[in-house]
Amino acid sequence: LSWIQAEPFGLERVEVLKGPSSVLYGQTGPGGFVNLVSKRPTD
């Protein structure tokens, strides 16, 4: 279920990995997935 939209303003970057990727992340679909990287404290 993905019922809530992510808030882009809270993200430092969006990474898109294409193709099957269960070897590091377990059960995922064949097309790939999107990884949202949160904003963190700055130097």
All heavy atoms as atom14 arrays in JSON, in Angstrom:
{
  "sequence": "LSWIQAEPFGLERVEVLKGPSSVLYGQTGPGGFVNLVSKRPTD",
  "atom14_mask": [
    [1, 1, 1, 1, 1, 1, 1, 1, 0, 0, 0, 0, 0, 0],
    [1, 1, 1, 1, 1, 1, 0, 0, 0, 0, 0, 0, 0, 0],
    [1, 1, 1, 1, 1, 1, 1, 1, 1, 1, 1, 1, 1, 1],
    [1, 1, 1, 1, 1, 1, 1, 1, 0, 0, 0, 0, 0, 0],
    [1, 1, 1, 1, 1, 1, 1, 1, 1, 0, 0, 0, 0, 0],
    [1, 1, 1, 1, 1, 0, 0, 0, 0, 0, 0, 0, 0, 0],
    [1, 1, 1, 1, 1, 1, 1, 1, 1, 0, 0, 0, 0, 0],
    [1, 1, 1, 1, 1, 1, 1, 0, 0, 0, 0, 0, 0, 0],
    [1, 1, 1, 1, 1, 1, 1, 1, 1, 1, 1, 0, 0, 0],
    [1, 1, 1, 1, 0, 0, 0, 0, 0, 0, 0, 0, 0, 0],
    [1, 1, 1, 1, 1, 1, 1, 1, 0, 0, 0, 0, 0, 0],
    [1, 1, 1, 1, 1, 1, 1, 1, 1, 0, 0, 0, 0, 0],
    [1, 1, 1, 1, 1, 1, 1, 1, 1, 1, 1, 0, 0, 0],
    [1, 1, 1, 1, 1, 1, 1, 0, 0, 0, 0, 0, 0, 0],
    [1, 1, 1, 1, 1, 1, 1, 1, 1, 0, 0, 0, 0, 0],
    [1, 1, 1, 1, 1, 1, 1, 0, 0, 0, 0, 0, 0, 0],
    [1, 1, 1, 1, 1, 1, 1, 1, 0, 0, 0, 0, 0, 0],
    [1, 1, 1, 1, 1, 1, 1, 1, 1, 0, 0, 0, 0, 0],
    [1, 1, 1, 1, 0, 0, 0, 0, 0, 0, 0, 0, 0, 0],
    [1, 1, 1, 1, 1, 1, 1, 0, 0, 0, 0, 0, 0, 0],
    [1, 1, 1, 1, 1, 1, 0, 0, 0, 0, 0, 0, 0, 0],
    [1, 1, 1, 1, 1, 1, 0, 0, 0, 0, 0, 0, 0, 0],
    [1, 1, 1, 1, 1, 1, 1, 0, 0, 0, 0, 0, 0, 0],
    [1, 1, 1, 1, 1, 1, 1, 1, 0, 0, 0, 0, 0, 0],
    [1, 1, 1, 1, 1, 1, 1, 1, 1, 1, 1, 1, 0, 0],
    [1, 1, 1, 1, 0, 0, 0, 0, 0, 0, 0, 0, 0, 0],
    [1, 1, 1, 1, 1, 1, 1, 1, 1, 0, 0, 0, 0, 0],
    [1, 1, 1, 1, 1, 1, 1, 0, 0, 0, 0, 0, 0, 0],
    [1, 1, 1, 1, 0, 0, 0, 0, 0, 0, 0, 0, 0, 0],
    [1, 1, 1, 1, 1, 1, 1, 0, 0, 0, 0, 0, 0, 0],
    [1, 1, 1, 1, 0, 0, 0, 0, 0, 0, 0, 0, 0, 0],
    [1, 1, 1, 1, 0, 0, 0, 0, 0, 0, 0, 0, 0, 0],
    [1, 1, 1, 1, 1, 1, 1, 1, 1, 1, 1, 0, 0, 0],
    [1, 1, 1, 1, 1, 1, 1, 0, 0, 0, 0, 0, 0, 0],
    [1, 1, 1, 1, 1, 1, 1, 1, 0, 0, 0, 0, 0, 0],
    [1, 1, 1, 1, 1, 1, 1, 1, 0, 0, 0, 0, 0, 0],
    [1, 1, 1, 1, 1, 1, 1, 0, 0, 0, 0, 0, 0, 0],
    [1, 1, 1, 1, 1, 1, 0, 0, 0, 0, 0, 0, 0, 0],
    [1, 1, 1, 1, 1, 1, 1, 1, 1, 0, 0, 0, 0, 0],
    [1, 1, 1, 1, 1, 1, 1, 1, 1, 1, 1, 0, 0, 0],
    [1, 1, 1, 1, 1, 1, 1, 0, 0, 0, 0, 0, 0, 0],
    [1, 1, 1, 1, 1, 1, 1, 0, 0, 0, 0, 0, 0, 0],
    [1, 1, 1, 1, 1, 1, 1, 1, 0, 0, 0, 0, 0, 0]
  ],
  "atom14_positions": [
    [[0.84, -1.2, 0.0], [0.0, 0.0, 0.0], [0.87, 1.24, 0.0], [1.81, 1.34, 0.79], [-0.91, 0.03, 1.23], [-1.92, -1.12, 1.38], [-2.54, -1.07, 2.76], [-3.01, -1.01, 0.33], [0.0, 0.0, 0.0], [0.0, 0.0, 0.0], [0.0, 0.0, 0.0], [0.0, 0.0, 0.0], [0.0, 0.0, 0.0], [0.0, 0.0, 0.0]],
    [[0.57, 2.19, -0.86], [1.28, 3.47, -0.88], [0.22, 4.57, -0.9], [-0.08, 5.15, -1.94], [2.2, 3.57, -2.1], [3.2, 2.58, -2.06], [0.0, 0.0, 0.0], [0.0, 0.0, 0.0], [0.0, 0.0, 0.0], [0.0, 0.0, 0.0], [0.0, 0.0, 0.0], [0.0, 0.0, 0.0], [0.0, 0.0, 0.0], [0.0, 0.0, 0.0]],
    [[-0.34, 4.83, 0.25], [-1.49, 5.72, 0.34], [-1.12, 7.18, 0.6], [-1.98, 8.05, 0.56], [-2.43, 5.25, 1.45], [-3.07, 3.93, 1.16], [-2.64, 2.7, 1.59], [-4.22, 3.68, 0.37], [-3.46, 1.72, 1.13], [-4.44, 2.29, 0.37], [-5.1, 4.5, -0.33], [-5.51, 1.7, -0.3], [-6.16, 3.91, -1.01], [-6.35, 2.53, -0.98]],
    [[0.13, 7.45, 0.92], [0.53, 8.81, 1.27], [1.6, 9.3, 0.3], [2.58, 8.6, 0.03], [1.06, 8.87, 2.72], [-0.08, 8.58, 3.7], [1.67, 10.23, 3.01], [0.3, 8.71, 5.14], [0.0, 0.0, 0.0], [0.0, 0.0, 0.0], [0.0, 0.0, 0.0], [0.0, 0.0, 0.0], [0.0, 0.0, 0.0], [0.0, 0.0, 0.0]],
    [[1.4, 10.49, -0.23], [2.41, 11.08, -1.11], [3.61, 11.54, -0.3], [3.47, 12.12, 0.78], [1.82, 12.26, -1.87], [0.86, 11.87, -2.99], [0.43, 13.06, -3.81], [-0.02, 14.06, -3.28], [0.55, 12.95, -5.12], [0.0, 0.0, 0.0], [0.0, 0.0, 0.0], [0.0, 0.0, 0.0], [0.0, 0.0, 0.0], [0.0, 0.0, 0.0]],
    [[4.8, 11.3, -0.83], [6.02, 11.81, -0.2], [6.08, 13.33, -0.34], [5.53, 13.89, -1.29], [7.25, 11.17, -0.85], [0.0, 0.0, 0.0], [0.0, 0.0, 0.0], [0.0, 0.0, 0.0], [0.0, 0.0, 0.0], [0.0, 0.0, 0.0], [0.0, 0.0, 0.0], [0.0, 0.0, 0.0], [0.0, 0.0, 0.0], [0.0, 0.0, 0.0]],
    [[6.76, 13.98, 0.59], [6.9, 15.44, 0.55], [8.29, 15.78, -0.01], [9.29, 15.64, 0.68], [6.73, 16.03, 1.94], [6.87, 17.54, 1.99], [6.04, 18.23, 0.92], [4.8, 18.12, 0.97], [6.65, 18.85, 0.02], [0.0, 0.0, 0.0], [0.0, 0.0, 0.0], [0.0, 0.0, 0.0], [0.0, 0.0, 0.0], [0.0, 0.0, 0.0]],
    [[8.38, 16.25, -1.26], [9.69, 16.52, -1.88], [10.51, 17.56, -1.13], [11.75, 17.5, -1.17], [9.32, 17.01, -3.29], [7.96, 16.48, -3.54], [7.28, 16.47, -2.21], [0.0, 0.0, 0.0], [0.0, 0.0, 0.0], [0.0, 0.0, 0.0], [0.0, 0.0, 0.0], [0.0, 0.0, 0.0], [0.0, 0.0, 0.0], [0.0, 0.0, 0.0]],
    [[9.87, 18.51, -0.46], [10.63, 19.54, 0.24], [11.48, 18.95, 1.36], [12.49, 19.54, 1.75], [9.68, 20.61, 0.81], [10.4, 21.77, 1.44], [11.08, 22.68, 0.66], [10.41, 21.93, 2.82], [11.75, 23.75, 1.24], [11.07, 22.99, 3.41], [11.75, 23.91, 2.62], [0.0, 0.0, 0.0], [0.0, 0.0, 0.0], [0.0, 0.0, 0.0]],
    [[11.12, 17.78, 1.85], [11.89, 17.14, 2.91], [13.01, 16.26, 2.41], [13.66, 15.58, 3.22], [0.0, 0.0, 0.0], [0.0, 0.0, 0.0], [0.0, 0.0, 0.0], [0.0, 0.0, 0.0], [0.0, 0.0, 0.0], [0.0, 0.0, 0.0], [0.0, 0.0, 0.0], [0.0, 0.0, 0.0], [0.0, 0.0, 0.0], [0.0, 0.0, 0.0]],
    [[13.28, 16.27, 1.09], [14.25, 15.35, 0.51], [15.49, 16.08, 0.01], [15.41, 17.17, -0.57], [13.62, 14.58, -0.65], [12.32, 13.84, -0.34], [11.78, 13.17, -1.6], [12.53, 12.82, 0.77], [0.0, 0.0, 0.0], [0.0, 0.0, 0.0], [0.0, 0.0, 0.0], [0.0, 0.0, 0.0], [0.0, 0.0, 0.0], [0.0, 0.0, 0.0]],
    [[16.65, 15.45, 0.22], [17.9, 15.97, -0.31], [18.12, 15.5, -1.74], [18.71, 16.2, -2.56], [19.07, 15.51, 0.57], [20.29, 16.37, 0.44], [20.05, 17.78, 0.97], [20.04, 17.99, 2.18], [19.87, 18.69, 0.11], [0.0, 0.0, 0.0], [0.0, 0.0, 0.0], [0.0, 0.0, 0.0], [0.0, 0.0, 0.0], [0.0, 0.0, 0.0]],
    [[17.65, 14.3, -2.03], [17.77, 13.73, -3.37], [16.79, 12.58, -3.5], [16.31, 12.02, -2.51], [19.19, 13.25, -3.66], [19.69, 12.2, -2.66], [20.93, 11.48, -3.17], [22.13, 12.31, -3.15], [23.3, 11.91, -3.64], [23.41, 10.7, -4.19], [24.36, 12.67, -3.59], [0.0, 0.0, 0.0], [0.0, 0.0, 0.0], [0.0, 0.0, 0.0]],
    [[16.51, 12.21, -4.75], [15.69, 11.04, -5.07], [16.52, 10.16, -5.98], [17.0, 10.61, -7.03], [14.38, 11.44, -5.78], [13.61, 10.2, -6.21], [13.52, 12.3, -4.86], [0.0, 0.0, 0.0], [0.0, 0.0, 0.0], [0.0, 0.0, 0.0], [0.0, 0.0, 0.0], [0.0, 0.0, 0.0], [0.0, 0.0, 0.0], [0.0, 0.0, 0.0]],
    [[16.73, 8.9, -5.59], [17.52, 7.96, -6.37], [16.61, 6.89, -6.95], [15.78, 6.31, -6.24], [18.61, 7.33, -5.5], [19.59, 8.37, -4.95], [20.74, 7.78, -4.16], [20.71, 6.56, -3.88], [21.67, 8.53, -3.83], [0.0, 0.0, 0.0], [0.0, 0.0, 0.0], [0.0, 0.0, 0.0], [0.0, 0.0, 0.0], [0.0, 0.0, 0.0]],
    [[16.78, 6.61, -8.23], [15.96, 5.63, -8.94], [16.86, 4.51, -9.42], [17.71, 4.72, -10.29], [15.22, 6.27, -10.13], [14.31, 5.24, -10.79], [14.41, 7.48, -9.69], [0.0, 0.0, 0.0], [0.0, 0.0, 0.0], [0.0, 0.0, 0.0], [0.0, 0.0, 0.0], [0.0, 0.0, 0.0], [0.0, 0.0, 0.0], [0.0, 0.0, 0.0]],
    [[16.69, 3.32, -8.86], [17.43, 2.14, -9.28], [16.54, 1.32, -10.2], [15.42, 0.96, -9.84], [17.85, 1.31, -8.07], [18.76, 0.11, -8.34], [20.07, 0.56, -8.98], [19.03, -0.66, -7.05], [0.0, 0.0, 0.0], [0.0, 0.0, 0.0], [0.0, 0.0, 0.0], [0.0, 0.0, 0.0], [0.0, 0.0, 0.0], [0.0, 0.0, 0.0]],
    [[17.04, 1.0, -11.39], [16.21, 0.39, -12.43], [16.53, -1.09, -12.59], [17.69, -1.47, -12.71], [16.41, 1.14, -13.75], [16.12, 2.63, -13.64], [16.68, 3.4, -14.79], [16.66, 4.89, -14.5], [17.28, 5.68, -15.57], [0.0, 0.0, 0.0], [0.0, 0.0, 0.0], [0.0, 0.0, 0.0], [0.0, 0.0, 0.0], [0.0, 0.0, 0.0]],
    [[15.47, -1.88, -12.59], [15.63, -3.31, -12.74], [15.53, -4.04, -11.42], [15.49, -3.43, -10.34], [0.0, 0.0, 0.0], [0.0, 0.0, 0.0], [0.0, 0.0, 0.0], [0.0, 0.0, 0.0], [0.0, 0.0, 0.0], [0.0, 0.0, 0.0], [0.0, 0.0, 0.0], [0.0, 0.0, 0.0], [0.0, 0.0, 0.0], [0.0, 0.0, 0.0]],
    [[15.46, -5.39, -11.44], [15.33, -6.19, -10.22], [16.46, -5.91, -9.24], [17.63, -5.83, -9.63], [15.4, -7.63, -10.75], [15.01, -7.53, -12.19], [15.52, -6.22, -12.66], [0.0, 0.0, 0.0], [0.0, 0.0, 0.0], [0.0, 0.0, 0.0], [0.0, 0.0, 0.0], [0.0, 0.0, 0.0], [0.0, 0.0, 0.0], [0.0, 0.0, 0.0]],
    [[16.12, -5.78, -7.97], [17.12, -5.39, -6.96], [16.87, -6.05, -5.62], [17.12, -5.46, -4.57], [17.12, -3.86, -6.8], [17.36, -3.21, -8.03], [0.0, 0.0, 0.0], [0.0, 0.0, 0.0], [0.0, 0.0, 0.0], [0.0, 0.0, 0.0], [0.0, 0.0, 0.0], [0.0, 0.0, 0.0], [0.0, 0.0, 0.0], [0.0, 0.0, 0.0]],
    [[16.37, -7.29, -5.64], [16.08, -7.98, -4.38], [17.34, -8.38, -3.63], [17.29, -8.64, -2.43], [15.23, -9.22, -4.64], [13.9, -8.87, -4.98], [0.0, 0.0, 0.0], [0.0, 0.0, 0.0], [0.0, 0.0, 0.0], [0.0, 0.0, 0.0], [0.0, 0.0, 0.0], [0.0, 0.0, 0.0], [0.0, 0.0, 0.0], [0.0, 0.0, 0.0]],
    [[18.5, -8.45, -4.29], [19.7, -8.96, -3.65], [20.1, -8.14, -2.43], [20.68, -8.68, -1.48], [20.86, -9.05, -4.67], [21.34, -7.65, -5.07], [22.0, -9.89, -4.13], [0.0, 0.0, 0.0], [0.0, 0.0, 0.0], [0.0, 0.0, 0.0], [0.0, 0.0, 0.0], [0.0, 0.0, 0.0], [0.0, 0.0, 0.0], [0.0, 0.0, 0.0]],
    [[19.77, -6.85, -2.4], [20.09, -6.02, -1.24], [18.86, -5.6, -0.45], [19.0, -5.21, 0.72], [20.85, -4.76, -1.68], [22.28, -4.95, -2.19], [22.87, -3.62, -2.6], [23.16, -5.6, -1.12], [0.0, 0.0, 0.0], [0.0, 0.0, 0.0], [0.0, 0.0, 0.0], [0.0, 0.0, 0.0], [0.0, 0.0, 0.0], [0.0, 0.0, 0.0]],
    [[17.67, -5.69, -1.05], [16.5, -5.1, -0.4], [15.33, -6.07, -0.22], [14.28, -5.67, 0.26], [16.03, -3.88, -1.21], [17.06, -2.78, -1.24], [17.93, -2.65, -2.32], [17.18, -1.88, -0.19], [18.88, -1.65, -2.35], [18.13, -0.88, -0.21], [18.98, -0.76, -1.3], [19.93, 0.23, -1.32], [0.0, 0.0, 0.0], [0.0, 0.0, 0.0]],
    [[15.48, -7.32, -0.61], [14.4, -8.27, -0.4], [13.31, -8.11, -1.44], [13.56, -7.8, -2.61], [0.0, 0.0, 0.0], [0.0, 0.0, 0.0], [0.0, 0.0, 0.0], [0.0, 0.0, 0.0], [0.0, 0.0, 0.0], [0.0, 0.0, 0.0], [0.0, 0.0, 0.0], [0.0, 0.0, 0.0], [0.0, 0.0, 0.0], [0.0, 0.0, 0.0]],
    [[12.06, -8.33, -1.03], [10.96, -8.4, -1.97], [10.67, -7.03, -2.61], [10.28, -6.08, -1.93], [9.71, -8.95, -1.3], [9.37, -8.32, 0.04], [8.25, -9.06, 0.71], [7.09, -8.85, 0.43], [8.6, -9.94, 1.62], [0.0, 0.0, 0.0], [0.0, 0.0, 0.0], [0.0, 0.0, 0.0], [0.0, 0.0, 0.0], [0.0, 0.0, 0.0]],
    [[10.91, -6.95, -3.89], [10.6, -5.76, -4.69], [10.17, -6.21, -6.08], [10.47, -7.31, -6.51], [11.83, -4.83, -4.83], [12.9, -5.56, -5.43], [12.27, -4.29, -3.49], [0.0, 0.0, 0.0], [0.0, 0.0, 0.0], [0.0, 0.0, 0.0], [0.0, 0.0, 0.0], [0.0, 0.0, 0.0], [0.0, 0.0, 0.0], [0.0, 0.0, 0.0]],
    [[9.46, -5.33, -6.77], [9.01, -5.62, -8.11], [10.15, -5.62, -9.11], [11.25, -5.13, -8.83], [0.0, 0.0, 0.0], [0.0, 0.0, 0.0], [0.0, 0.0, 0.0], [0.0, 0.0, 0.0], [0.0, 0.0, 0.0], [0.0, 0.0, 0.0], [0.0, 0.0, 0.0], [0.0, 0.0, 0.0], [0.0, 0.0, 0.0], [0.0, 0.0, 0.0]],
    [[9.91, -6.12, -10.33], [10.99, -6.27, -11.31], [11.48, -4.96, -11.91], [12.6, -4.89, -12.41], [10.37, -7.16, -12.39], [8.9, -6.93, -12.28], [8.64, -6.69, -10.82], [0.0, 0.0, 0.0], [0.0, 0.0, 0.0], [0.0, 0.0, 0.0], [0.0, 0.0, 0.0], [0.0, 0.0, 0.0], [0.0, 0.0, 0.0], [0.0, 0.0, 0.0]],
    [[10.66, -3.9, -11.89], [11.06, -2.67, -12.55], [12.12, -1.88, -11.82], [12.87, -1.11, -12.41], [0.0, 0.0, 0.0], [0.0, 0.0, 0.0], [0.0, 0.0, 0.0], [0.0, 0.0, 0.0], [0.0, 0.0, 0.0], [0.0, 0.0, 0.0], [0.0, 0.0, 0.0], [0.0, 0.0, 0.0], [0.0, 0.0, 0.0], [0.0, 0.0, 0.0]],
    [[12.2, -2.05, -10.49], [13.13, -1.28, -9.68], [12.41, -0.56, -8.56], [11.29, -0.92, -8.19], [0.0, 0.0, 0.0], [0.0, 0.0, 0.0], [0.0, 0.0, 0.0], [0.0, 0.0, 0.0], [0.0, 0.0, 0.0], [0.0, 0.0, 0.0], [0.0, 0.0, 0.0], [0.0, 0.0, 0.0], [0.0, 0.0, 0.0], [0.0, 0.0, 0.0]],
    [[13.02, 0.47, -8.02], [12.37, 1.22, -6.95], [12.96, 2.61, -6.84], [13.95, 2.96, -7.48], [12.47, 0.48, -5.61], [13.88, 0.21, -5.14], [14.63, 1.2, -4.55], [14.44, -1.04, -5.31], [15.92, 0.96, -4.12], [15.73, -1.3, -4.89], [16.47, -0.3, -4.3], [0.0, 0.0, 0.0], [0.0, 0.0, 0.0], [0.0, 0.0, 0.0]],
    [[12.31, 3.42, -6.0], [12.74, 4.79, -5.74], [13.17, 4.9, -4.28], [12.44, 4.45, -3.38], [11.59, 5.78, -6.03], [11.94, 7.18, -5.54], [11.28, 5.81, -7.52], [0.0, 0.0, 0.0], [0.0, 0.0, 0.0], [0.0, 0.0, 0.0], [0.0, 0.0, 0.0], [0.0, 0.0, 0.0], [0.0, 0.0, 0.0], [0.0, 0.0, 0.0]],
    [[14.33, 5.47, -4.05], [14.84, 5.68, -2.69], [14.85, 7.18, -2.4], [15.48, 7.96, -3.12], [16.25, 5.11, -2.54], [16.77, 5.27, -1.12], [16.01, 5.28, -0.15], [18.07, 5.4, -0.98], [0.0, 0.0, 0.0], [0.0, 0.0, 0.0], [0.0, 0.0, 0.0], [0.0, 0.0, 0.0], [0.0, 0.0, 0.0], [0.0, 0.0, 0.0]],
    [[14.14, 7.58, -1.35], [14.05, 8.98, -0.94], [15.08, 9.24, 0.15], [15.07, 8.58, 1.19], [12.64, 9.29, -0.42], [11.47, 8.77, -1.26], [10.15, 9.09, -0.59], [11.52, 9.35, -2.66], [0.0, 0.0, 0.0], [0.0, 0.0, 0.0], [0.0, 0.0, 0.0], [0.0, 0.0, 0.0], [0.0, 0.0, 0.0], [0.0, 0.0, 0.0]],
    [[15.96, 10.21, -0.07], [17.01, 10.52, 0.89], [16.62, 11.79, 1.65], [16.46, 12.86, 1.06], [18.36, 10.71, 0.18], [19.45, 11.04, 1.19], [18.73, 9.45, -0.6], [0.0, 0.0, 0.0], [0.0, 0.0, 0.0], [0.0, 0.0, 0.0], [0.0, 0.0, 0.0], [0.0, 0.0, 0.0], [0.0, 0.0, 0.0], [0.0, 0.0, 0.0]],
    [[16.46, 11.65, 2.96], [15.98, 12.75, 3.8], [17.03, 13.84, 3.96], [18.24, 13.58, 3.93], [15.6, 12.22, 5.19], [14.63, 11.22, 5.12], [0.0, 0.0, 0.0], [0.0, 0.0, 0.0], [0.0, 0.0, 0.0], [0.0, 0.0, 0.0], [0.0, 0.0, 0.0], [0.0, 0.0, 0.0], [0.0, 0.0, 0.0], [0.0, 0.0, 0.0]],
    [[16.57, 15.06, 4.15], [17.45, 16.15, 4.53], [17.97, 15.9, 5.94], [17.22, 15.47, 6.82], [16.71, 17.49, 4.48], [16.42, 17.97, 3.07], [15.71, 19.31, 3.07], [15.52, 19.84, 1.64], [14.78, 21.12, 1.61], [0.0, 0.0, 0.0], [0.0, 0.0, 0.0], [0.0, 0.0, 0.0], [0.0, 0.0, 0.0], [0.0, 0.0, 0.0]],
    [[19.27, 16.18, 6.14], [19.93, 15.95, 7.42], [20.62, 17.22, 7.89], [20.79, 18.16, 7.11], [20.97, 14.83, 7.27], [20.38, 13.46, 7.02], [21.46, 12.53, 6.45], [21.05, 11.13, 6.48], [20.22, 10.57, 5.63], [19.68, 11.32, 4.67], [19.9, 9.31, 5.72], [0.0, 0.0, 0.0], [0.0, 0.0, 0.0], [0.0, 0.0, 0.0]],
    [[21.07, 17.26, 9.14], [21.82, 18.43, 9.61], [23.03, 18.71, 8.74], [23.72, 17.78, 8.29], [22.23, 18.03, 11.03], [21.17, 17.06, 11.47], [20.81, 16.3, 10.23], [0.0, 0.0, 0.0], [0.0, 0.0, 0.0], [0.0, 0.0, 0.0], [0.0, 0.0, 0.0], [0.0, 0.0, 0.0], [0.0, 0.0, 0.0], [0.0, 0.0, 0.0]],
    [[23.28, 19.98, 8.48], [24.38, 20.38, 7.61], [25.61, 20.78, 8.43], [25.51, 21.07, 9.63], [23.97, 21.57, 6.73], [23.52, 22.65, 7.57], [22.82, 21.16, 5.81], [0.0, 0.0, 0.0], [0.0, 0.0, 0.0], [0.0, 0.0, 0.0], [0.0, 0.0, 0.0], [0.0, 0.0, 0.0], [0.0, 0.0, 0.0], [0.0, 0.0, 0.0]],
    [[26.77, 20.78, 7.78], [28.01, 21.15, 8.47], [28.09, 22.64, 8.74], [28.76, 23.07, 9.68], [29.22, 20.7, 7.65], [29.33, 19.18, 7.56], [28.86, 18.5, 8.5], [29.88, 18.68, 6.56], [0.0, 0.0, 0.0], [0.0, 0.0, 0.0], [0.0, 0.0, 0.0], [0.0, 0.0, 0.0], [0.0, 0.0, 0.0], [0.0, 0.0, 0.0]]
  ]
}
